[in-house]
Amino acid sequence: MPTSIRSFAKINLGLKIGPTRPDGFHELRTIYQSIALYDVVRVEIQQGRGIEIRCSDPRVPTDQSNTCYRIAERVLRVVRGGGKVVIDIEKNLPVQGGLGAGSSNAVATMIALERELGTPLAPQVRLRIAAEVGSDLPLFLIGGTVLGVDRGQEVYPLQDFPAMHLVVVTPAIGMSTPKTFAAWDALVADQAELTDSEPTGTIKLFSGAVYAWLSMGSHSQAVPASGVPAMGGDRAETPLLDLVRAGIENDFEKVVFSEYPELREAKRGLEREGAKYASLSGSGSSLYGLFDSAENAKAAAERMSATGYPAVATRSLTREEYWTALAS
């Protein structure tokens, strides 16, 4: 029997883009949050040799460009495993949707392959392999609420937020992250030319806000990091609302919304439905809104879907929930 692993999605609670680095990547700052939407990845070792990817979704590559293939190749090289690796991906998450589905699939493949081979990898080896394959893979080796720095692959577990109820909107638009970064670079260059200043991005503002939020003890009953107490609502939601008031936002919205106005309208739709905070996730095209109850999230998702925006209600996962549910 194959080993099955749930491949959970993530959202970005804010995403700030810094200047292009010498290695061609951008410096990033973001907070990743695991959510309860998932694909299922099944891995089996059969007789023979090689790696085979199977998926009924035609948008998912089944060759060496698939992150699952690339990570399986590296794991086999490290453990010197034999046999034919068959990876079956059951897709529920959007492709190129900003929810980290491909990266999550790859990490699920790594975990399932370790179990199939009966050879667990050391944590530092897992992280190294994940970072080699993609910038946001390492977050899925932590789960819950995670700070991402450098190009996003350097990750630090944060104290989990209290449970959050979400509506995730998944428009049928595939976003190329490299193209979106190129559009961002063009925007920054134009702004620098108009202001006669060097583009530095907005990364320092985000770093300062998050640092203040963390250093003030975001989960205590003390004065919140923003200096502005969250008014109204349950106290459990205060940490996130305080962080929102600190100014978190997704820089990609500045370029994505101008090219795809329907995504801006979807965000406005979430806000009209009562979302306490709404944002693009990653480079898009998925968006999410945070709601104060499961009932309100479910009702908002139904109304959004009825107006032509595919939407689903879900919730955030703590780190413990993430790992408990991974192989359930």
C-alpha atoms as a PDB file:
ATOM      1  CA  MET A   1       0.000   0.000   0.000  1.00  0.00           C
ATOM      2  CA  PRO A   2       1.291   3.492  -0.795  1.00  0.00           C
ATOM      3  CA  THR A   3       2.029   6.004   1.946  1.00  0.00           C
ATOM      4  CA  SER A   4      -0.486   8.881   1.876  1.00  0.00           C
ATOM      5  CA  ILE A   5       0.308  12.367   3.171  1.00  0.00           C
ATOM      6  CA  ARG A   6      -1.967  15.390   3.264  1.00  0.00           C
ATOM      7  CA  SER A   7      -0.342  18.307   1.505  1.00  0.00           C
ATOM      8  CA  PHE A   8      -1.696  21.417   3.242  1.00  0.00           C
ATOM      9  CA  ALA A   9      -1.900  24.902   1.730  1.00  0.00           C
ATOM     10  CA  LYS A  10      -0.515  28.142   3.144  1.00  0.00           C
ATOM     11  CA  ILE A  11      -1.443  31.786   2.987  1.00  0.00           C
ATOM     12  CA  ASN A  12       0.817  34.811   3.397  1.00  0.00           C
ATOM     13  CA  LEU A  13       0.031  37.248   6.198  1.00  0.00           C
ATOM     14  CA  GLY A  14       1.794  40.149   4.564  1.00  0.00           C
ATOM     15  CA  LEU A  15       4.578  39.912   1.990  1.00  0.00           C
ATOM     16  CA  LYS A  16       7.237  42.566   1.447  1.00  0.00           C
ATOM     17  CA  ILE A  17       9.673  42.548  -1.458  1.00  0.00           C
ATOM     18  CA  GLY A  18      13.177  43.964  -1.188  1.00  0.00           C
ATOM     19  CA  PRO A  19      15.713  44.778  -3.920  1.00  0.00           C
ATOM     20  CA  THR A  20      17.102  42.147  -6.268  1.00  0.00           C
ATOM     21  CA  ARG A  21      20.080  40.351  -4.744  1.00  0.00           C
ATOM     22  CA  PRO A  22      23.344  39.402  -6.495  1.00  0.00           C
ATOM     23  CA  ASP A  23      22.044  35.826  -6.866  1.00  0.00           C
ATOM     24  CA  GLY A  24      19.029  37.079  -8.826  1.00  0.00           C
ATOM     25  CA  PHE A  25      16.499  36.457  -6.062  1.00  0.00           C
ATOM     26  CA  HIS A  26      14.632  39.129  -4.113  1.00  0.00           C
ATOM     27  CA  GLU A  27      14.948  39.655  -0.389  1.00  0.00           C
ATOM     28  CA  LEU A  28      11.562  38.837   1.152  1.00  0.00           C
ATOM     29  CA  ARG A  29       9.768  39.134   4.461  1.00  0.00           C
ATOM     30  CA  THR A  30       6.501  37.315   5.097  1.00  0.00           C
ATOM     31  CA  ILE A  31       4.507  35.407   7.678  1.00  0.00           C
ATOM     32  CA  TYR A  32       3.301  32.056   6.418  1.00  0.00           C
ATOM     33  CA  GLN A  33       0.196  30.439   7.899  1.00  0.00           C
ATOM     34  CA  SER A  34      -0.891  26.836   7.349  1.00  0.00           C
ATOM     35  CA  ILE A  35      -4.557  26.336   6.500  1.00  0.00           C
ATOM     36  CA  ALA A  36      -6.802  23.269   6.384  1.00  0.00           C
ATOM     37  CA  LEU A  37      -7.164  22.982   2.579  1.00  0.00           C
ATOM     38  CA  TYR A  38      -5.042  20.207   1.094  1.00  0.00           C
ATOM     39  CA  ASP A  39      -4.016  17.921  -1.748  1.00  0.00           C
ATOM     40  CA  VAL A  40      -3.177  14.263  -1.101  1.00  0.00           C
ATOM     41  CA  VAL A  41       0.192  12.828  -2.152  1.00  0.00           C
ATOM     42  CA  ARG A  42       0.653   9.040  -2.296  1.00  0.00           C
ATOM     43  CA  VAL A  43       4.101   7.522  -2.671  1.00  0.00           C
ATOM     44  CA  GLU A  44       4.898   3.870  -3.323  1.00  0.00           C
ATOM     45  CA  ILE A  45       8.135   1.988  -3.968  1.00  0.00           C
ATOM     46  CA  GLN A  46       7.709  -0.578  -6.745  1.00  0.00           C
ATOM     47  CA  GLN A  47      10.038  -2.935  -8.574  1.00  0.00           C
ATOM     48  CA  GLY A  48      12.233  -1.283 -11.156  1.00  0.00           C
ATOM     49  CA  ARG A  49      13.994   2.042 -11.286  1.00  0.00           C
ATOM     50  CA  GLY A  50      13.203   5.702 -11.827  1.00  0.00           C
ATOM     51  CA  ILE A  51      10.573   8.168 -10.694  1.00  0.00           C
ATOM     52  CA  GLU A  52       7.030   8.363 -12.063  1.00  0.00           C
ATOM     53  CA  ILE A  53       4.585  11.217 -11.406  1.00  0.00           C
ATOM     54  CA  ARG A  54       0.871  10.599 -11.825  1.00  0.00           C
ATOM     55  CA  CYS A  55      -1.822  13.265 -11.694  1.00  0.00           C
ATOM     56  CA  SER A  56      -5.209  13.580 -13.380  1.00  0.00           C
ATOM     57  CA  ASP A  57      -4.917  17.377 -13.551  1.00  0.00           C
ATOM     58  CA  PRO A  58      -3.350  18.212 -16.949  1.00  0.00           C
ATOM     59  CA  ARG A  59      -1.859  21.440 -15.580  1.00  0.00           C
ATOM     60  CA  VAL A  60       0.471  19.483 -13.288  1.00  0.00           C
ATOM     61  CA  PRO A  61       3.747  18.524 -14.992  1.00  0.00           C
ATOM     62  CA  THR A  62       4.706  14.874 -14.716  1.00  0.00           C
ATOM     63  CA  ASP A  63       8.308  15.224 -15.856  1.00  0.00           C
ATOM     64  CA  GLN A  64      11.524  16.321 -14.138  1.00  0.00           C
ATOM     65  CA  SER A  65      10.232  19.898 -13.808  1.00  0.00           C
ATOM     66  CA  ASN A  66       7.773  18.781 -11.113  1.00  0.00           C
ATOM     67  CA  THR A  67       9.020  19.711  -7.638  1.00  0.00           C
ATOM     68  CA  CYS A  68       7.963  16.275  -6.366  1.00  0.00           C
ATOM     69  CA  TYR A  69      10.259  14.635  -8.916  1.00  0.00           C
ATOM     70  CA  ARG A  70      13.149  16.918  -8.006  1.00  0.00           C
ATOM     71  CA  ILE A  71      12.819  16.339  -4.283  1.00  0.00           C
ATOM     72  CA  ALA A  72      12.416  12.567  -4.671  1.00  0.00           C
ATOM     73  CA  GLU A  73      15.571  12.512  -6.788  1.00  0.00           C
ATOM     74  CA  ARG A  74      17.527  14.263  -4.020  1.00  0.00           C
ATOM     75  CA  VAL A  75      16.142  12.059  -1.251  1.00  0.00           C
ATOM     76  CA  LEU A  76      17.093   8.910  -3.154  1.00  0.00           C
ATOM     77  CA  ARG A  77      20.572  10.284  -3.693  1.00  0.00           C
ATOM     78  CA  VAL A  78      21.027  10.918   0.024  1.00  0.00           C
ATOM     79  CA  VAL A  79      19.649   7.599   1.299  1.00  0.00           C
ATOM     80  CA  ARG A  80      20.900   5.611  -1.692  1.00  0.00           C
ATOM     81  CA  GLY A  81      17.494   4.028  -2.014  1.00  0.00           C
ATOM     82  CA  GLY A  82      16.494   1.656  -4.770  1.00  0.00           C
ATOM     83  CA  GLY A  83      13.325   0.715  -6.598  1.00  0.00           C
ATOM     84  CA  LYS A  84      10.871   2.699  -8.701  1.00  0.00           C
ATOM     85  CA  VAL A  85       9.226   5.641  -6.940  1.00  0.00           C
ATOM     86  CA  VAL A  86       5.609   6.230  -7.984  1.00  0.00           C
ATOM     87  CA  ILE A  87       4.111   9.543  -6.847  1.00  0.00           C
ATOM     88  CA  ASP A  88       0.375  10.058  -7.244  1.00  0.00           C
ATOM     89  CA  ILE A  89      -0.950  13.594  -6.659  1.00  0.00           C
ATOM     90  CA  GLU A  90      -4.643  14.092  -5.906  1.00  0.00           C
ATOM     91  CA  LYS A  91      -5.262  17.768  -6.672  1.00  0.00           C
ATOM     92  CA  ASN A  92      -7.738  19.906  -4.787  1.00  0.00           C
ATOM     93  CA  LEU A  93      -5.651  23.075  -4.536  1.00  0.00           C
ATOM     94  CA  PRO A  94      -5.244  25.460  -7.479  1.00  0.00           C
ATOM     95  CA  VAL A  95      -2.154  25.277  -9.684  1.00  0.00           C
ATOM     96  CA  GLN A  96      -0.111  28.512  -9.607  1.00  0.00           C
ATOM     97  CA  GLY A  97      -2.633  29.914  -7.142  1.00  0.00           C
ATOM     98  CA  GLY A  98      -0.393  31.406  -4.453  1.00  0.00           C
ATOM     99  CA  LEU A  99      -1.270  28.743  -1.862  1.00  0.00           C
ATOM    100  CA  GLY A 100       2.047  26.908  -2.110  1.00  0.00           C
ATOM    101  CA  ALA A 101       0.493  23.739  -3.502  1.00  0.00           C
ATOM    102  CA  GLY A 102       3.481  22.606  -5.582  1.00  0.00           C
ATOM    103  CA  SER A 103       5.902  23.209  -2.726  1.00  0.00           C
ATOM    104  CA  SER A 104       3.625  21.493  -0.231  1.00  0.00           C
ATOM    105  CA  ASN A 105       3.288  18.520  -2.598  1.00  0.00           C
ATOM    106  CA  ALA A 106       7.078  18.250  -2.734  1.00  0.00           C
ATOM    107  CA  VAL A 107       7.486  18.227   1.050  1.00  0.00           C
ATOM    108  CA  ALA A 108       4.680  15.669   1.357  1.00  0.00           C
ATOM    109  CA  THR A 109       6.586  13.555  -1.165  1.00  0.00           C
ATOM    110  CA  MET A 110       9.732  13.787   0.953  1.00  0.00           C
ATOM    111  CA  ILE A 111       7.927  12.729   4.129  1.00  0.00           C
ATOM    112  CA  ALA A 112       6.083   9.878   2.403  1.00  0.00           C
ATOM    113  CA  LEU A 113       9.256   8.651   0.695  1.00  0.00           C
ATOM    114  CA  GLU A 114      11.138   8.593   3.995  1.00  0.00           C
ATOM    115  CA  ARG A 115       8.388   6.405   5.441  1.00  0.00           C
ATOM    116  CA  GLU A 116       8.274   4.128   2.396  1.00  0.00           C
ATOM    117  CA  LEU A 117      12.042   3.623   2.565  1.00  0.00           C
ATOM    118  CA  GLY A 118      12.061   3.340   6.355  1.00  0.00           C
ATOM    119  CA  THR A 119      14.911   5.866   6.438  1.00  0.00           C
ATOM    120  CA  PRO A 120      14.140   9.147   8.236  1.00  0.00           C
ATOM    121  CA  LEU A 121      16.309  12.102   7.286  1.00  0.00           C
ATOM    122  CA  ALA A 122      17.965  14.376   9.825  1.00  0.00           C
ATOM    123  CA  PRO A 123      16.099  17.710  10.190  1.00  0.00           C
ATOM    124  CA  GLN A 124      18.993  19.731   8.779  1.00  0.00           C
ATOM    125  CA  VAL A 125      19.147  17.438   5.728  1.00  0.00           C
ATOM    126  CA  ARG A 126      15.415  17.859   5.163  1.00  0.00           C
ATOM    127  CA  LEU A 127      15.732  21.643   5.290  1.00  0.00           C
ATOM    128  CA  ARG A 128      18.740  21.695   2.991  1.00  0.00           C
ATOM    129  CA  ILE A 129      17.013  19.572   0.359  1.00  0.00           C
ATOM    130  CA  ALA A 130      13.823  21.600   0.592  1.00  0.00           C
ATOM    131  CA  ALA A 131      15.671  24.931   0.199  1.00  0.00           C
ATOM    132  CA  GLU A 132      17.541  23.588  -2.841  1.00  0.00           C
ATOM    133  CA  VAL A 133      14.279  22.782  -4.614  1.00  0.00           C
ATOM    134  CA  GLY A 134      12.300  25.965  -3.865  1.00  0.00           C
ATOM    135  CA  SER A 135      12.097  29.080  -1.727  1.00  0.00           C
ATOM    136  CA  ASP A 136       8.872  28.283   0.124  1.00  0.00           C
ATOM    137  CA  LEU A 137       9.362  24.527   0.629  1.00  0.00           C
ATOM    138  CA  PRO A 138      10.999  24.784   4.091  1.00  0.00           C
ATOM    139  CA  LEU A 139       7.897  26.372   5.648  1.00  0.00           C
ATOM    140  CA  PHE A 140       6.042  23.082   5.117  1.00  0.00           C
ATOM    141  CA  LEU A 141       8.621  21.326   7.297  1.00  0.00           C
ATOM    142  CA  ILE A 142       7.473  23.530  10.205  1.00  0.00           C
ATOM    143  CA  GLY A 143       3.761  24.281   9.767  1.00  0.00           C
ATOM    144  CA  GLY A 144       1.529  26.596  11.760  1.00  0.00           C
ATOM    145  CA  THR A 145       2.594  30.253  11.925  1.00  0.00           C
ATOM    146  CA  VAL A 146       6.061  30.758  10.397  1.00  0.00           C
ATOM    147  CA  LEU A 147       8.278  33.777   9.740  1.00  0.00           C
ATOM    148  CA  GLY A 148       9.989  33.671   6.336  1.00  0.00           C
ATOM    149  CA  VAL A 149      13.075  35.801   5.592  1.00  0.00           C
ATOM    150  CA  ASP A 150      15.964  35.925   3.098  1.00  0.00           C
ATOM    151  CA  ARG A 151      14.327  34.740  -0.150  1.00  0.00           C
ATOM    152  CA  GLY A 152      11.590  33.079   1.918  1.00  0.00           C
ATOM    153  CA  GLN A 153      13.428  29.809   2.499  1.00  0.00           C
ATOM    154  CA  GLU A 154      14.903  30.824   5.871  1.00  0.00           C
ATOM    155  CA  VAL A 155      12.074  30.023   8.243  1.00  0.00           C
ATOM    156  CA  TYR A 156      11.431  30.455  11.957  1.00  0.00           C
ATOM    157  CA  PRO A 157       8.474  29.030  13.892  1.00  0.00           C
ATOM    158  CA  LEU A 158       6.377  31.671  15.624  1.00  0.00           C
ATOM    159  CA  GLN A 159       3.900  31.152  18.424  1.00  0.00           C
ATOM    160  CA  ASP A 160       0.728  30.063  16.689  1.00  0.00           C
ATOM    161  CA  PHE A 161      -2.104  32.505  16.204  1.00  0.00           C
ATOM    162  CA  PRO A 162      -5.437  31.497  17.756  1.00  0.00           C
ATOM    163  CA  ALA A 163      -7.750  29.699  15.319  1.00  0.00           C
ATOM    164  CA  MET A 164      -8.724  31.883  12.366  1.00  0.00           C
ATOM    165  CA  HIS A 165     -11.743  31.342  10.139  1.00  0.00           C
ATOM    166  CA  LEU A 166     -11.101  32.081   6.494  1.00  0.00           C
ATOM    167  CA  VAL A 167     -12.701  32.312   3.095  1.00  0.00           C
ATOM    168  CA  VAL A 168     -10.310  31.416   0.283  1.00  0.00           C
ATOM    169  CA  VAL A 169     -11.214  32.611  -3.218  1.00  0.00           C
ATOM    170  CA  THR A 170      -9.562  30.715  -6.072  1.00  0.00           C
ATOM    171  CA  PRO A 171     -10.102  32.442  -9.444  1.00  0.00           C
ATOM    172  CA  ALA A 172      -9.300  30.362 -12.517  1.00  0.00           C
ATOM    173  CA  ILE A 173      -6.146  32.353 -13.240  1.00  0.00           C
ATOM    174  CA  GLY A 174      -2.667  30.833 -13.123  1.00  0.00           C
ATOM    175  CA  MET A 175       0.007  33.271 -11.989  1.00  0.00           C
ATOM    176  CA  SER A 176       3.662  32.901 -12.943  1.00  0.00           C
ATOM    177  CA  THR A 177       5.744  33.982  -9.958  1.00  0.00           C
ATOM    178  CA  PRO A 178       8.802  34.922 -12.088  1.00  0.00           C
ATOM    179  CA  LYS A 179       6.628  37.094 -14.358  1.00  0.00           C
ATOM    180  CA  THR A 180       5.018  38.748 -11.351  1.00  0.00           C
ATOM    181  CA  PHE A 181       8.439  39.525  -9.886  1.00  0.00           C
ATOM    182  CA  ALA A 182       9.439  41.006 -13.261  1.00  0.00           C
ATOM    183  CA  ALA A 183       6.361  43.245 -13.186  1.00  0.00           C
ATOM    184  CA  TRP A 184       7.293  44.325  -9.661  1.00  0.00           C
ATOM    185  CA  ASP A 185      10.832  45.176 -10.770  1.00  0.00           C
ATOM    186  CA  ALA A 186       9.457  47.269 -13.617  1.00  0.00           C
ATOM    187  CA  LEU A 187       7.140  49.124 -11.228  1.00  0.00           C
ATOM    188  CA  VAL A 188       9.945  49.835  -8.764  1.00  0.00           C
ATOM    189  CA  ALA A 189      12.229  51.019 -11.576  1.00  0.00           C
ATOM    190  CA  ASP A 190       9.546  53.395 -12.857  1.00  0.00           C
ATOM    191  CA  GLN A 191       8.973  54.799  -9.369  1.00  0.00           C
ATOM    192  CA  ALA A 192      12.716  55.243  -8.841  1.00  0.00           C
ATOM    193  CA  GLU A 193      12.986  57.150 -12.125  1.00  0.00           C
ATOM    194  CA  LEU A 194      10.103  59.432 -11.178  1.00  0.00           C
ATOM    195  CA  THR A 195      11.458  60.152  -7.699  1.00  0.00           C
ATOM    196  CA  ASP A 196      15.130  60.149  -8.671  1.00  0.00           C
ATOM    197  CA  SER A 197      15.922  57.711  -5.860  1.00  0.00           C
ATOM    198  CA  GLU A 198      17.235  54.196  -5.587  1.00  0.00           C
ATOM    199  CA  PRO A 199      14.558  51.523  -5.157  1.00  0.00           C
ATOM    200  CA  THR A 200      14.827  49.983  -1.694  1.00  0.00           C
ATOM    201  CA  GLY A 201      11.454  48.255  -1.490  1.00  0.00           C
ATOM    202  CA  THR A 202       9.241  48.297   1.585  1.00  0.00           C
ATOM    203  CA  ILE A 203      10.939  45.475   3.423  1.00  0.00           C
ATOM    204  CA  LYS A 204      12.250  47.601   6.307  1.00  0.00           C
ATOM    205  CA  LEU A 205       8.756  48.793   7.198  1.00  0.00           C
ATOM    206  CA  PHE A 206       7.471  45.233   7.409  1.00  0.00           C
ATOM    207  CA  SER A 207      10.494  44.045   9.382  1.00  0.00           C
ATOM    208  CA  GLY A 208      10.075  46.895  11.859  1.00  0.00           C
ATOM    209  CA  ALA A 209       6.360  46.257  12.299  1.00  0.00           C
ATOM    210  CA  VAL A 210       6.802  42.515  12.832  1.00  0.00           C
ATOM    211  CA  TYR A 211       9.762  43.038  15.161  1.00  0.00           C
ATOM    212  CA  ALA A 212       7.737  45.467  17.271  1.00  0.00           C
ATOM    213  CA  TRP A 213       4.803  43.050  17.293  1.00  0.00           C
ATOM    214  CA  LEU A 214       6.997  40.165  18.444  1.00  0.00           C
ATOM    215  CA  SER A 215       9.036  42.109  20.968  1.00  0.00           C
ATOM    216  CA  MET A 216       5.944  43.474  22.710  1.00  0.00           C
ATOM    217  CA  GLY A 217       4.606  39.994  23.340  1.00  0.00           C
ATOM    218  CA  SER A 218       1.826  39.664  20.807  1.00  0.00           C
ATOM    219  CA  HIS A 219      -0.007  36.948  22.717  1.00  0.00           C
ATOM    220  CA  SER A 220      -0.011  38.660  26.090  1.00  0.00           C
ATOM    221  CA  GLN A 221      -2.652  40.904  27.577  1.00  0.00           C
ATOM    222  CA  ALA A 222      -0.154  43.786  27.558  1.00  0.00           C
ATOM    223  CA  VAL A 223      -0.164  46.775  25.235  1.00  0.00           C
ATOM    224  CA  PRO A 224      -0.177  45.351  21.673  1.00  0.00           C
ATOM    225  CA  ALA A 225       2.756  45.825  19.322  1.00  0.00           C
ATOM    226  CA  SER A 226       0.928  48.367  17.217  1.00  0.00           C
ATOM    227  CA  GLY A 227       0.326  50.570  20.244  1.00  0.00           C
ATOM    228  CA  VAL A 228      -3.368  50.564  19.289  1.00  0.00           C
ATOM    229  CA  PRO A 229      -5.506  48.034  21.180  1.00  0.00           C
ATOM    230  CA  ALA A 230      -7.744  45.950  18.965  1.00  0.00           C
ATOM    231  CA  MET A 231     -11.229  47.256  19.630  1.00  0.00           C
ATOM    232  CA  GLY A 232     -14.183  44.933  19.846  1.00  0.00           C
ATOM    233  CA  GLY A 233     -14.395  41.241  19.075  1.00  0.00           C
ATOM    234  CA  ASP A 234     -13.029  38.308  21.032  1.00  0.00           C
ATOM    235  CA  ARG A 235      -9.676  38.781  22.748  1.00  0.00           C
ATOM    236  CA  ALA A 236      -8.402  35.649  20.961  1.00  0.00           C
ATOM    237  CA  GLU A 237      -8.402  37.496  17.647  1.00  0.00           C
ATOM    238  CA  THR A 238      -6.428  40.463  18.987  1.00  0.00           C
ATOM    239  CA  PRO A 239      -2.889  39.267  18.066  1.00  0.00           C
ATOM    240  CA  LEU A 240      -3.711  39.093  14.377  1.00  0.00           C
ATOM    241  CA  LEU A 241      -5.686  42.319  14.340  1.00  0.00           C
ATOM    242  CA  ASP A 242      -2.818  44.076  16.078  1.00  0.00           C
ATOM    243  CA  LEU A 243      -0.469  42.788  13.398  1.00  0.00           C
ATOM    244  CA  VAL A 244      -2.874  43.989  10.703  1.00  0.00           C
ATOM    245  CA  ARG A 245      -2.900  47.424  12.315  1.00  0.00           C
ATOM    246  CA  ALA A 246       0.913  47.359  12.222  1.00  0.00           C
ATOM    247  CA  GLY A 247       0.591  47.631   8.452  1.00  0.00           C
ATOM    248  CA  ILE A 248       1.013  44.167   6.931  1.00  0.00           C
ATOM    249  CA  GLU A 249       0.102  43.984   3.265  1.00  0.00           C
ATOM    250  CA  ASN A 250       1.149  42.071   0.163  1.00  0.00           C
ATOM    251  CA  ASP A 251       3.363  44.062  -2.225  1.00  0.00           C
ATOM    252  CA  PHE A 252       2.316  41.866  -5.142  1.00  0.00           C
ATOM    253  CA  GLU A 253      -1.138  43.465  -5.054  1.00  0.00           C
ATOM    254  CA  LYS A 254       0.403  46.617  -6.544  1.00  0.00           C
ATOM    255  CA  VAL A 255       1.177  44.833  -9.820  1.00  0.00           C
ATOM    256  CA  VAL A 256      -1.322  41.956  -9.864  1.00  0.00           C
ATOM    257  CA  PHE A 257      -4.442  44.086  -9.364  1.00  0.00           C
ATOM    258  CA  SER A 258      -3.543  46.439 -12.215  1.00  0.00           C
ATOM    259  CA  GLU A 259      -3.211  43.504 -14.622  1.00  0.00           C
ATOM    260  CA  TYR A 260      -6.157  41.538 -13.270  1.00  0.00           C
ATOM    261  CA  PRO A 261      -8.807  44.002 -11.995  1.00  0.00           C
ATOM    262  CA  GLU A 262     -11.137  41.093 -11.254  1.00  0.00           C
ATOM    263  CA  LEU A 263      -8.809  40.087  -8.417  1.00  0.00           C
ATOM    264  CA  ARG A 264      -9.100  43.547  -6.885  1.00  0.00           C
ATOM    265  CA  GLU A 265     -12.872  43.170  -7.117  1.00  0.00           C
ATOM    266  CA  ALA A 266     -12.673  39.785  -5.398  1.00  0.00           C
ATOM    267  CA  LYS A 267     -10.775  41.368  -2.508  1.00  0.00           C
ATOM    268  CA  ARG A 268     -13.387  44.121  -2.277  1.00  0.00           C
ATOM    269  CA  GLY A 269     -16.060  41.424  -2.300  1.00  0.00           C
ATOM    270  CA  LEU A 270     -14.462  39.752   0.723  1.00  0.00           C
ATOM    271  CA  GLU A 271     -14.353  43.094   2.509  1.00  0.00           C
ATOM    272  CA  ARG A 272     -18.019  43.737   1.697  1.00  0.00           C
ATOM    273  CA  GLU A 273     -18.849  40.326   3.138  1.00  0.00           C
ATOM    274  CA  GLY A 274     -17.361  41.404   6.452  1.00  0.00           C
ATOM    275  CA  ALA A 275     -13.774  40.147   6.328  1.00  0.00           C
ATOM    276  CA  LYS A 276     -11.695  41.765   9.067  1.00  0.00           C
ATOM    277  CA  TYR A 277      -8.705  41.541   6.735  1.00  0.00           C
ATOM    278  CA  ALA A 278      -8.449  40.504   3.079  1.00  0.00           C
ATOM    279  CA  SER A 279      -5.362  39.953   0.951  1.00  0.00           C
ATOM    280  CA  LEU A 280      -3.771  38.303  -2.034  1.00  0.00           C
ATOM    281  CA  SER A 281      -1.827  35.174  -1.052  1.00  0.00           C
ATOM    282  CA  GLY A 282       1.712  34.935  -2.408  1.00  0.00           C
ATOM    283  CA  SER A 283       1.841  36.202  -5.971  1.00  0.00           C
ATOM    284  CA  GLY A 284      -1.792  35.149  -6.492  1.00  0.00           C
ATOM    285  CA  SER A 285      -4.218  34.458  -7.886  1.00  0.00           C
ATOM    286  CA  SER A 286      -5.853  33.160  -4.696  1.00  0.00           C
ATOM    287  CA  LEU A 287      -7.152  35.631  -2.120  1.00  0.00           C
ATOM    288  CA  TYR A 288      -8.376  35.145   1.406  1.00  0.00           C
ATOM    289  CA  GLY A 289     -10.446  36.948   3.994  1.00  0.00           C
ATOM    290  CA  LEU A 290     -10.387  36.509   7.774  1.00  0.00           C
ATOM    291  CA  PHE A 291     -13.769  36.228   9.504  1.00  0.00           C
ATOM    292  CA  ASP A 292     -14.837  36.242  13.144  1.00  0.00           C
ATOM    293  CA  SER A 293     -16.710  32.913  13.072  1.00  0.00           C
ATOM    294  CA  ALA A 294     -17.025  29.711  11.087  1.00  0.00           C
ATOM    295  CA  GLU A 295     -20.680  30.507  10.406  1.00  0.00           C
ATOM    296  CA  ASN A 296     -19.911  33.917   8.928  1.00  0.00           C
ATOM    297  CA  ALA A 297     -17.087  32.475   6.836  1.00  0.00           C
ATOM    298  CA  LYS A 298     -19.344  29.735   5.450  1.00  0.00           C
ATOM    299  CA  ALA A 299     -22.099  32.211   4.581  1.00  0.00           C
ATOM    300  CA  ALA A 300     -19.611  34.578   2.923  1.00  0.00           C
ATOM    301  CA  ALA A 301     -18.111  31.755   0.859  1.00  0.00           C
ATOM    302  CA  GLU A 302     -21.549  30.734  -0.362  1.00  0.00           C
ATOM    303  CA  ARG A 303     -22.412  34.285  -1.375  1.00  0.00           C
ATOM    304  CA  MET A 304     -19.038  34.814  -3.092  1.00  0.00           C
ATOM    305  CA  SER A 305     -19.478  31.575  -5.057  1.00  0.00           C
ATOM    306  CA  ALA A 306     -22.988  32.590  -6.066  1.00  0.00           C
ATOM    307  CA  THR A 307     -21.627  35.796  -7.588  1.00  0.00           C
ATOM    308  CA  GLY A 308     -19.059  33.953  -9.700  1.00  0.00           C
ATOM    309  CA  TYR A 309     -16.014  33.821  -7.408  1.00  0.00           C
ATOM    310  CA  PRO A 310     -15.095  30.209  -6.516  1.00  0.00           C
ATOM    311  CA  ALA A 311     -14.761  30.317  -2.738  1.00  0.00           C
ATOM    312  CA  VAL A 312     -14.478  27.918   0.180  1.00  0.00           C
ATOM    313  CA  ALA A 313     -14.590  28.384   3.933  1.00  0.00           C
ATOM    314  CA  THR A 314     -11.735  26.887   5.945  1.00  0.00           C
ATOM    315  CA  ARG A 315      -9.585  27.651   8.975  1.00  0.00           C
ATOM    316  CA  SER A 316      -5.988  28.019  10.045  1.00  0.00           C
ATOM    317  CA  LEU A 317      -3.961  25.152  11.503  1.00  0.00           C
ATOM    318  CA  THR A 318      -1.679  25.299  14.492  1.00  0.00           C
ATOM    319  CA  ARG A 319       1.666  23.534  14.239  1.00  0.00           C
ATOM    320  CA  GLU A 320       0.406  20.623  16.331  1.00  0.00           C
ATOM    321  CA  GLU A 321      -2.753  20.284  14.222  1.00  0.00           C
ATOM    322  CA  TYR A 322      -0.670  20.412  11.054  1.00  0.00           C
ATOM    323  CA  TRP A 323       1.544  17.495  12.026  1.00  0.00           C
ATOM    324  CA  THR A 324      -1.273  15.482  13.592  1.00  0.00           C
ATOM    325  CA  ALA A 325      -3.411  15.721  10.453  1.00  0.00           C
ATOM    326  CA  LEU A 326      -0.591  15.216   7.944  1.00  0.00           C
ATOM    327  CA  ALA A 327      -0.907  11.442   7.772  1.00  0.00           C
ATOM    328  CA  SER A 328      -4.468  11.047   9.121  1.00  0.00           C
END
